[in-house]
Amino acid sequence: YAQTGPIFMFEKFTTAKVRFKNRSVTASPMNYDASGGKMFFQQNGDIMEMTNVYMVDTVMWGERKFIPQGKRFWEVFKQKNGTVFVDWLLKDVHLGSKGAFGLPTQGKVETLKLADFSAGAPGGYSYDAQGTYSKDVWKRKNDNTYYFMYEGKMRKIKSEKQLRKLFKQHELAIKDFADKEKIDMKEVMDALKLIDFCLGL
């Protein structure tokens, strides 16, 4: 089963620059809930949800750029062969409980590249609001959707299979590249690499 509640992109609220459509700019400690698609900001110690999303042009954490799309935000990646928009969707999936040797009794926890991508810790021991010790083991997974322009239309894909179908005239080249590069579409940087390869064909 999946854990409920926000799963923030960043381990802590970090100053972001918000540019509005009326060209005004503000800075505030912010974080993005990549499970619920909501932007949060910190004000006077309180955490509040951004409700005026329709007025926002971009949210920038350093070089990382997010744009509003409906009520959610997409991250923008400018690549060699085109721009890719990532609609993040992170989930914490329950793997089991710690056994006698510190291993989950079902499944296993692997080190996630996603954690290196500033998307929070991949799981492990957790504490509830009362500080009660928990032996539950969680693994963070993404179910991202990727958008990009191809042949004059905005395309939407989630899997390698969908990419091969979209670029069907290059299906074998895509499969060979994915196998050679050991592409895992559940890893963001792998997905971006494969999409950029396809856009360059």
Protein backbone atom coordinates (compact mmCIF):
# COMPACT_ATOMS: atom_id res chain seq x y z
CA TYR A 1 0.00 0.00 0.00
CA ALA A 2 1.05 3.61 -0.52
CA GLN A 3 1.79 6.16 2.18
CA THR A 4 -0.53 9.17 2.27
CA GLY A 5 0.39 12.81 2.81
CA PRO A 6 2.75 15.12 0.94
CA ILE A 7 6.01 13.81 -0.55
CA PHE A 8 8.19 16.87 -0.97
CA MET A 9 10.71 17.26 -3.80
CA PHE A 10 13.31 18.78 -1.48
CA GLU A 11 14.39 17.60 1.95
CA LYS A 12 13.68 21.04 3.39
CA PHE A 13 11.92 24.23 2.38
CA THR A 14 14.42 26.14 0.23
CA THR A 15 14.26 29.69 -1.09
CA ALA A 16 12.63 29.82 -4.50
CA LYS A 17 12.09 32.76 -6.84
CA VAL A 18 8.51 33.12 -8.06
CA ARG A 19 7.88 35.12 -11.21
CA PHE A 20 4.26 36.13 -11.76
CA LYS A 21 2.53 36.79 -15.08
CA ASN A 22 2.33 40.50 -14.20
CA ARG A 23 6.18 40.41 -14.12
CA SER A 24 6.46 40.91 -10.35
CA VAL A 25 8.98 38.66 -8.57
CA THR A 26 9.03 37.38 -5.00
CA ALA A 27 11.26 34.98 -3.05
CA SER A 28 10.14 32.62 -0.32
CA PRO A 29 11.12 29.27 1.26
CA MET A 30 9.11 26.77 -0.81
CA ASN A 31 8.68 23.08 -1.57
CA TYR A 32 6.69 21.03 -4.07
CA ASP A 33 4.48 18.13 -3.06
CA ALA A 34 5.25 15.66 -5.86
CA SER A 35 2.51 13.28 -4.75
CA GLY A 36 -0.36 15.75 -4.67
CA GLY A 37 0.95 18.24 -7.23
CA LYS A 38 0.71 21.23 -4.88
CA MET A 39 3.17 24.05 -4.24
CA PHE A 40 3.76 25.08 -0.61
CA PHE A 41 5.51 28.10 0.91
CA GLN A 42 6.65 29.00 4.40
CA GLN A 43 5.54 32.25 6.01
CA ASN A 44 6.23 33.25 9.61
CA GLY A 45 6.89 29.61 10.50
CA ASP A 46 3.63 28.38 8.95
CA ILE A 47 3.43 26.11 5.90
CA MET A 48 0.77 27.25 3.44
CA GLU A 49 -0.46 26.00 0.09
CA MET A 50 -0.08 28.30 -2.92
CA THR A 51 -3.60 28.97 -4.17
CA ASN A 52 -2.98 31.66 -6.82
CA VAL A 53 -1.30 29.19 -9.20
CA TYR A 54 -3.05 30.74 -12.22
CA MET A 55 -1.11 33.99 -11.61
CA VAL A 56 2.32 32.27 -11.60
CA ASP A 57 4.66 32.20 -14.60
CA THR A 58 7.62 30.23 -13.15
CA VAL A 59 9.04 28.96 -9.87
CA MET A 60 12.84 28.67 -9.80
CA TRP A 61 15.05 26.84 -7.31
CA GLY A 62 18.46 27.85 -8.61
CA GLU A 63 18.62 26.30 -12.09
CA ARG A 64 15.56 24.10 -11.57
CA LYS A 65 12.50 25.58 -13.24
CA PHE A 66 8.83 24.70 -12.67
CA ILE A 67 5.84 26.04 -14.59
CA PRO A 68 2.16 25.77 -13.64
CA GLN A 69 0.02 23.44 -15.71
CA GLY A 70 -3.57 23.37 -14.51
CA LYS A 71 -3.33 22.97 -10.73
CA ARG A 72 -0.05 21.04 -10.91
CA PHE A 73 3.51 22.12 -11.82
CA TRP A 74 5.81 20.68 -14.49
CA GLU A 75 9.59 20.76 -14.24
CA VAL A 76 11.29 22.05 -17.40
CA PHE A 77 14.37 20.29 -18.83
CA LYS A 78 16.05 21.92 -21.83
CA GLN A 79 17.87 19.12 -23.60
CA LYS A 80 20.08 18.92 -26.66
CA ASN A 81 17.25 17.92 -29.02
CA GLY A 82 14.26 19.62 -27.39
CA THR A 83 12.54 20.62 -24.17
CA VAL A 84 10.95 17.97 -21.95
CA PHE A 85 8.38 18.75 -19.26
CA VAL A 86 8.17 16.39 -16.28
CA ASP A 87 4.94 16.03 -14.34
CA TRP A 88 6.36 14.51 -11.14
CA LEU A 89 4.34 11.90 -9.30
CA LEU A 90 6.18 10.34 -6.35
CA LYS A 91 4.80 7.52 -4.22
CA ASP A 92 6.06 5.82 -1.08
CA VAL A 93 5.23 2.14 -1.39
CA HIS A 94 5.21 -0.16 1.65
CA LEU A 95 7.66 -3.06 1.26
CA GLY A 96 7.18 -4.80 4.59
CA SER A 97 8.69 -4.62 8.06
CA LYS A 98 12.29 -4.94 9.24
CA GLY A 99 13.14 -8.56 10.07
CA ALA A 100 15.65 -9.91 12.58
CA PHE A 101 18.61 -9.12 10.32
CA GLY A 102 17.46 -5.63 9.42
CA LEU A 103 15.99 -6.67 6.07
CA PRO A 104 12.37 -6.22 5.03
CA THR A 105 10.31 -9.37 5.38
CA GLN A 106 8.96 -8.81 1.87
CA GLY A 107 10.73 -7.13 -1.03
CA LYS A 108 13.97 -5.21 -0.69
CA VAL A 109 15.06 -1.60 -0.45
CA GLU A 110 17.45 -0.44 -3.12
CA THR A 111 19.41 2.77 -3.28
CA LEU A 112 17.51 5.11 -5.54
CA LYS A 113 19.14 7.51 -7.96
CA LEU A 114 16.05 9.61 -7.31
CA ALA A 115 17.36 10.40 -3.82
CA ASP A 116 20.51 11.86 -5.39
CA PHE A 117 18.17 14.01 -7.47
CA SER A 118 17.14 16.00 -4.35
CA ALA A 119 13.80 14.26 -4.14
CA GLY A 120 14.06 13.26 -0.49
CA ALA A 121 15.13 10.11 1.28
CA PRO A 122 14.17 6.78 -0.31
CA GLY A 123 12.73 5.24 2.86
CA GLY A 124 14.05 3.22 5.79
CA TYR A 125 12.97 3.57 9.41
CA SER A 126 10.29 6.14 10.11
CA TYR A 127 8.68 7.86 13.06
CA ASP A 128 5.07 8.87 13.34
CA ALA A 129 3.86 12.24 14.68
CA GLN A 130 4.10 11.01 18.28
CA GLY A 131 7.69 9.86 17.73
CA THR A 132 6.73 6.19 17.96
CA TYR A 133 9.42 3.98 16.45
CA SER A 134 8.31 2.14 13.33
CA LYS A 135 9.92 -0.85 11.65
CA ASP A 136 8.00 -0.32 8.43
CA VAL A 137 10.10 -0.07 5.27
CA TRP A 138 9.08 2.19 2.41
CA LYS A 139 10.48 2.63 -1.07
CA ARG A 140 10.05 5.82 -3.04
CA LYS A 141 8.89 5.29 -6.61
CA ASN A 142 7.97 7.68 -9.36
CA ASP A 143 5.12 7.40 -11.82
CA ASN A 144 6.09 10.51 -13.78
CA THR A 145 4.56 11.65 -17.05
CA TYR A 146 6.82 13.24 -19.68
CA TYR A 147 5.64 15.82 -22.22
CA PHE A 148 7.46 17.12 -25.32
CA MET A 149 6.72 18.57 -28.75
CA TYR A 150 7.03 16.20 -31.70
CA GLU A 151 5.79 16.82 -35.24
CA GLY A 152 3.97 19.97 -34.10
CA LYS A 153 2.03 18.30 -31.28
CA MET A 154 2.55 18.02 -27.51
CA ARG A 155 3.15 14.32 -26.78
CA LYS A 156 2.66 12.51 -23.48
CA ILE A 157 4.49 9.34 -22.49
CA LYS A 158 5.17 7.28 -19.36
CA SER A 159 6.99 4.21 -20.70
CA GLU A 160 9.61 3.01 -23.18
CA LYS A 161 6.88 1.05 -24.96
CA GLN A 162 4.94 4.30 -25.60
CA LEU A 163 8.12 5.94 -26.95
CA ARG A 164 8.76 3.04 -29.33
CA LYS A 165 5.16 3.29 -30.55
CA LEU A 166 5.44 7.06 -31.12
CA PHE A 167 8.76 6.70 -32.98
CA LYS A 168 7.78 3.38 -34.59
CA GLN A 169 10.04 3.90 -37.63
CA HIS A 170 13.01 3.83 -35.18
CA GLU A 171 11.71 1.12 -32.84
CA LEU A 172 14.79 -1.14 -33.12
CA ALA A 173 17.26 1.74 -32.66
CA ILE A 174 15.39 2.85 -29.52
CA LYS A 175 15.35 -0.69 -28.10
CA ASP A 176 19.09 -1.13 -28.82
CA PHE A 177 19.93 2.22 -27.18
CA ALA A 178 17.76 1.46 -24.14
CA ASP A 179 19.37 -1.97 -23.71
CA LYS A 180 22.93 -0.65 -24.21
CA GLU A 181 22.41 2.25 -21.78
CA LYS A 182 20.44 0.05 -19.32
CA ILE A 183 17.59 2.57 -19.38
CA ASP A 184 15.09 2.40 -16.52
CA MET A 185 12.13 4.69 -17.25
CA LYS A 186 11.41 4.92 -13.52
CA GLU A 187 14.71 6.84 -13.18
CA VAL A 188 14.22 10.44 -14.27
CA MET A 189 17.64 10.98 -15.82
CA ASP A 190 17.35 7.70 -17.77
CA ALA A 191 13.93 8.70 -19.10
CA LEU A 192 15.23 12.12 -20.16
CA LYS A 193 18.24 10.50 -21.88
CA LEU A 194 16.02 8.13 -23.88
CA ILE A 195 13.54 10.85 -24.87
CA ASP A 196 16.39 13.09 -26.04
CA PHE A 197 17.82 10.19 -28.08
CA CYS A 198 14.42 9.75 -29.74
CA LEU A 199 14.05 13.48 -30.48
CA GLY A 200 17.48 13.40 -32.15
CA LEU A 201 16.59 10.57 -34.55
